[in-house]
Amino acid sequence: MFKHSKAFPSFSVNDLQAARQFYGNTLGLDLSERPEGLELHLGIGAHAFAYRKPDHVPATFTILNFPVKNIDTAVDDLTKAGVRFEVYGAGPIETDSRGISRQDGMKIAWFKDPAGNFLSVIEQK
């Protein structure tokens, strides 16, 4: 039934203006405004939808992963744009002081949007 469907993720935010600024200006994504929220254009034919929810509770898991060719460059560029990366010192996930985890052959760094939802950049060559 859904084999050829163009499914897409959606998630809530508490402030569409802040989401528009962050996803459009800080992350540089193309956006389409809809009466219900923001369509985020993520790449060739891919998109996600952010909608305002007055009683929004941030996701405690990663809602979007952005593949990058070089994690160090991506973290540097996003940090310059004002993004703050999560730093984990102990536990199942550990990062360096810049927020990059290099465990089990994977290179990934997490950050939050203005609504507190988790996003990541992940190195994929």
C-alpha atoms as a PDB file:
ATOM      1  CA  MET A   1       0.000   0.000   0.000  1.00  0.00           C
ATOM      2  CA  PHE A   2       2.750   2.508   0.902  1.00  0.00           C
ATOM      3  CA  LYS A   3       5.584   1.055  -1.164  1.00  0.00           C
ATOM      4  CA  HIS A   4       5.631   4.018  -3.550  1.00  0.00           C
ATOM      5  CA  SER A   5       4.366   6.629  -1.119  1.00  0.00           C
ATOM      6  CA  LYS A   6       6.500   9.699  -0.481  1.00  0.00           C
ATOM      7  CA  ALA A   7       6.257   9.520   3.293  1.00  0.00           C
ATOM      8  CA  PHE A   8       7.765  12.364   5.313  1.00  0.00           C
ATOM      9  CA  PRO A   9       8.448  13.048   8.991  1.00  0.00           C
ATOM     10  CA  SER A  10       6.729  15.769  10.961  1.00  0.00           C
ATOM     11  CA  PHE A  11       7.469  17.204  14.372  1.00  0.00           C
ATOM     12  CA  SER A  12       6.179  19.894  16.671  1.00  0.00           C
ATOM     13  CA  VAL A  13       7.709  23.181  17.738  1.00  0.00           C
ATOM     14  CA  ASN A  14       6.429  25.792  20.158  1.00  0.00           C
ATOM     15  CA  ASP A  15       7.327  28.834  18.019  1.00  0.00           C
ATOM     16  CA  LEU A  16       7.067  28.835  14.223  1.00  0.00           C
ATOM     17  CA  GLN A  17       8.919  32.170  13.900  1.00  0.00           C
ATOM     18  CA  ALA A  18      11.922  30.766  15.807  1.00  0.00           C
ATOM     19  CA  ALA A  19      11.739  27.565  13.745  1.00  0.00           C
ATOM     20  CA  ARG A  20      11.638  29.588  10.501  1.00  0.00           C
ATOM     21  CA  GLN A  21      14.718  31.571  11.571  1.00  0.00           C
ATOM     22  CA  PHE A  22      16.648  28.505  12.712  1.00  0.00           C
ATOM     23  CA  TYR A  23      15.862  26.103   9.875  1.00  0.00           C
ATOM     24  CA  GLY A  24      15.866  28.736   7.141  1.00  0.00           C
ATOM     25  CA  ASN A  25      18.646  31.120   8.177  1.00  0.00           C
ATOM     26  CA  THR A  26      20.884  29.215  10.596  1.00  0.00           C
ATOM     27  CA  LEU A  27      20.755  25.835   8.835  1.00  0.00           C
ATOM     28  CA  GLY A  28      20.179  27.294   5.375  1.00  0.00           C
ATOM     29  CA  LEU A  29      17.282  25.061   4.366  1.00  0.00           C
ATOM     30  CA  ASP A  30      14.710  26.130   1.822  1.00  0.00           C
ATOM     31  CA  LEU A  31      11.290  26.445   3.443  1.00  0.00           C
ATOM     32  CA  SER A  32       7.710  26.603   2.245  1.00  0.00           C
ATOM     33  CA  GLU A  33       5.178  28.178   4.537  1.00  0.00           C
ATOM     34  CA  ARG A  34       1.843  26.446   4.848  1.00  0.00           C
ATOM     35  CA  PRO A  35      -1.146  27.500   6.953  1.00  0.00           C
ATOM     36  CA  GLU A  36      -0.424  24.516   9.218  1.00  0.00           C
ATOM     37  CA  GLY A  37       3.339  25.122   9.582  1.00  0.00           C
ATOM     38  CA  LEU A  38       6.659  24.932   7.744  1.00  0.00           C
ATOM     39  CA  GLU A  39       7.738  22.489   5.078  1.00  0.00           C
ATOM     40  CA  LEU A  40      11.506  21.945   5.304  1.00  0.00           C
ATOM     41  CA  HIS A  41      13.130  20.962   2.016  1.00  0.00           C
ATOM     42  CA  LEU A  42      15.865  18.515   2.987  1.00  0.00           C
ATOM     43  CA  GLY A  43      17.290  17.449  -0.330  1.00  0.00           C
ATOM     44  CA  ILE A  44      16.275  15.920  -3.607  1.00  0.00           C
ATOM     45  CA  GLY A  45      12.603  15.147  -3.130  1.00  0.00           C
ATOM     46  CA  ALA A  46      12.876  14.907   0.661  1.00  0.00           C
ATOM     47  CA  HIS A  47      11.079  17.089   3.150  1.00  0.00           C
ATOM     48  CA  ALA A  48       9.838  17.269   6.723  1.00  0.00           C
ATOM     49  CA  PHE A  49       7.056  19.284   8.267  1.00  0.00           C
ATOM     50  CA  ALA A  50       7.234  21.407  11.427  1.00  0.00           C
ATOM     51  CA  TYR A  51       3.962  22.447  13.034  1.00  0.00           C
ATOM     52  CA  ARG A  52       3.165  24.610  16.033  1.00  0.00           C
ATOM     53  CA  LYS A  53       1.847  22.840  19.085  1.00  0.00           C
ATOM     54  CA  PRO A  54       1.002  25.053  22.078  1.00  0.00           C
ATOM     55  CA  ASP A  55       1.804  22.307  24.623  1.00  0.00           C
ATOM     56  CA  HIS A  56       4.916  21.173  22.728  1.00  0.00           C
ATOM     57  CA  VAL A  57       7.272  18.824  24.537  1.00  0.00           C
ATOM     58  CA  PRO A  58      10.701  18.449  22.885  1.00  0.00           C
ATOM     59  CA  ALA A  59      11.566  15.072  21.430  1.00  0.00           C
ATOM     60  CA  THR A  60      14.042  13.128  23.555  1.00  0.00           C
ATOM     61  CA  PHE A  61      15.420  11.394  20.473  1.00  0.00           C
ATOM     62  CA  THR A  62      16.960  12.569  17.207  1.00  0.00           C
ATOM     63  CA  ILE A  63      14.248  13.766  14.832  1.00  0.00           C
ATOM     64  CA  LEU A  64      16.481  14.672  11.865  1.00  0.00           C
ATOM     65  CA  ASN A  65      19.966  13.517  10.831  1.00  0.00           C
ATOM     66  CA  PHE A  66      21.877  15.633   8.331  1.00  0.00           C
ATOM     67  CA  PRO A  67      24.527  13.617   6.449  1.00  0.00           C
ATOM     68  CA  VAL A  68      27.781  15.520   5.899  1.00  0.00           C
ATOM     69  CA  LYS A  69      31.047  14.636   4.181  1.00  0.00           C
ATOM     70  CA  ASN A  70      33.248  16.038   6.954  1.00  0.00           C
ATOM     71  CA  ILE A  71      31.926  16.243  10.516  1.00  0.00           C
ATOM     72  CA  ASP A  72      34.679  18.590  11.720  1.00  0.00           C
ATOM     73  CA  THR A  73      33.938  21.135   9.006  1.00  0.00           C
ATOM     74  CA  ALA A  74      30.173  20.870   9.573  1.00  0.00           C
ATOM     75  CA  VAL A  75      30.531  21.375  13.333  1.00  0.00           C
ATOM     76  CA  ASP A  76      32.865  24.347  12.797  1.00  0.00           C
ATOM     77  CA  ASP A  77      30.499  25.975  10.289  1.00  0.00           C
ATOM     78  CA  LEU A  78      27.390  25.423  12.411  1.00  0.00           C
ATOM     79  CA  THR A  79      29.145  26.640  15.553  1.00  0.00           C
ATOM     80  CA  LYS A  80      30.062  29.854  13.714  1.00  0.00           C
ATOM     81  CA  ALA A  81      26.372  30.182  12.770  1.00  0.00           C
ATOM     82  CA  GLY A  82      25.417  30.030  16.451  1.00  0.00           C
ATOM     83  CA  VAL A  83      24.546  26.346  16.863  1.00  0.00           C
ATOM     84  CA  ARG A  84      25.535  24.850  20.216  1.00  0.00           C
ATOM     85  CA  PHE A  85      26.415  21.167  20.207  1.00  0.00           C
ATOM     86  CA  GLU A  86      25.606  18.763  23.017  1.00  0.00           C
ATOM     87  CA  VAL A  87      28.653  17.556  24.959  1.00  0.00           C
ATOM     88  CA  TYR A  88      28.396  14.204  26.730  1.00  0.00           C
ATOM     89  CA  GLY A  89      31.168  13.243  29.144  1.00  0.00           C
ATOM     90  CA  ALA A  90      30.084   9.909  30.525  1.00  0.00           C
ATOM     91  CA  GLY A  91      27.527   7.260  29.821  1.00  0.00           C
ATOM     92  CA  PRO A  92      26.689   5.291  26.726  1.00  0.00           C
ATOM     93  CA  ILE A  93      27.585   8.253  24.491  1.00  0.00           C
ATOM     94  CA  GLU A  94      30.756  10.295  24.876  1.00  0.00           C
ATOM     95  CA  THR A  95      31.799  13.281  22.812  1.00  0.00           C
ATOM     96  CA  ASP A  96      34.844  15.459  22.555  1.00  0.00           C
ATOM     97  CA  SER A  97      34.735  19.067  23.773  1.00  0.00           C
ATOM     98  CA  ARG A  98      33.186  20.170  20.460  1.00  0.00           C
ATOM     99  CA  GLY A  99      30.322  17.673  20.765  1.00  0.00           C
ATOM    100  CA  ILE A 100      31.544  15.070  18.267  1.00  0.00           C
ATOM    101  CA  SER A 101      31.143  11.392  19.112  1.00  0.00           C
ATOM    102  CA  ARG A 102      33.618   9.114  17.345  1.00  0.00           C
ATOM    103  CA  GLN A 103      32.477   5.799  18.784  1.00  0.00           C
ATOM    104  CA  ASP A 104      32.171   2.492  16.962  1.00  0.00           C
ATOM    105  CA  GLY A 105      33.397   3.964  13.673  1.00  0.00           C
ATOM    106  CA  MET A 106      30.551   6.495  13.550  1.00  0.00           C
ATOM    107  CA  LYS A 107      31.106  10.253  13.653  1.00  0.00           C
ATOM    108  CA  ILE A 108      28.043  12.158  14.833  1.00  0.00           C
ATOM    109  CA  ALA A 109      27.261  15.387  16.714  1.00  0.00           C
ATOM    110  CA  TRP A 110      23.915  16.386  18.233  1.00  0.00           C
ATOM    111  CA  PHE A 111      22.352  19.811  18.636  1.00  0.00           C
ATOM    112  CA  LYS A 112      18.903  21.168  19.414  1.00  0.00           C
ATOM    113  CA  ASP A 113      16.512  23.386  17.520  1.00  0.00           C
ATOM    114  CA  PRO A 114      14.917  26.372  19.347  1.00  0.00           C
ATOM    115  CA  ALA A 115      12.058  24.097  20.465  1.00  0.00           C
ATOM    116  CA  GLY A 116      14.507  21.674  22.122  1.00  0.00           C
ATOM    117  CA  ASN A 117      14.198  18.874  19.547  1.00  0.00           C
ATOM    118  CA  PHE A 118      17.384  16.881  18.869  1.00  0.00           C
ATOM    119  CA  LEU A 119      19.042  17.029  15.444  1.00  0.00           C
ATOM    120  CA  SER A 120      22.396  15.680  14.312  1.00  0.00           C
ATOM    121  CA  VAL A 121      25.082  15.930  11.704  1.00  0.00           C
ATOM    122  CA  ILE A 122      26.526  12.557  10.815  1.00  0.00           C
ATOM    123  CA  GLU A 123      29.561  11.916   8.649  1.00  0.00           C
ATOM    124  CA  GLN A 124      28.847   9.772   5.599  1.00  0.00           C
ATOM    125  CA  LYS A 125      31.404   9.567   2.841  1.00  0.00           C
END
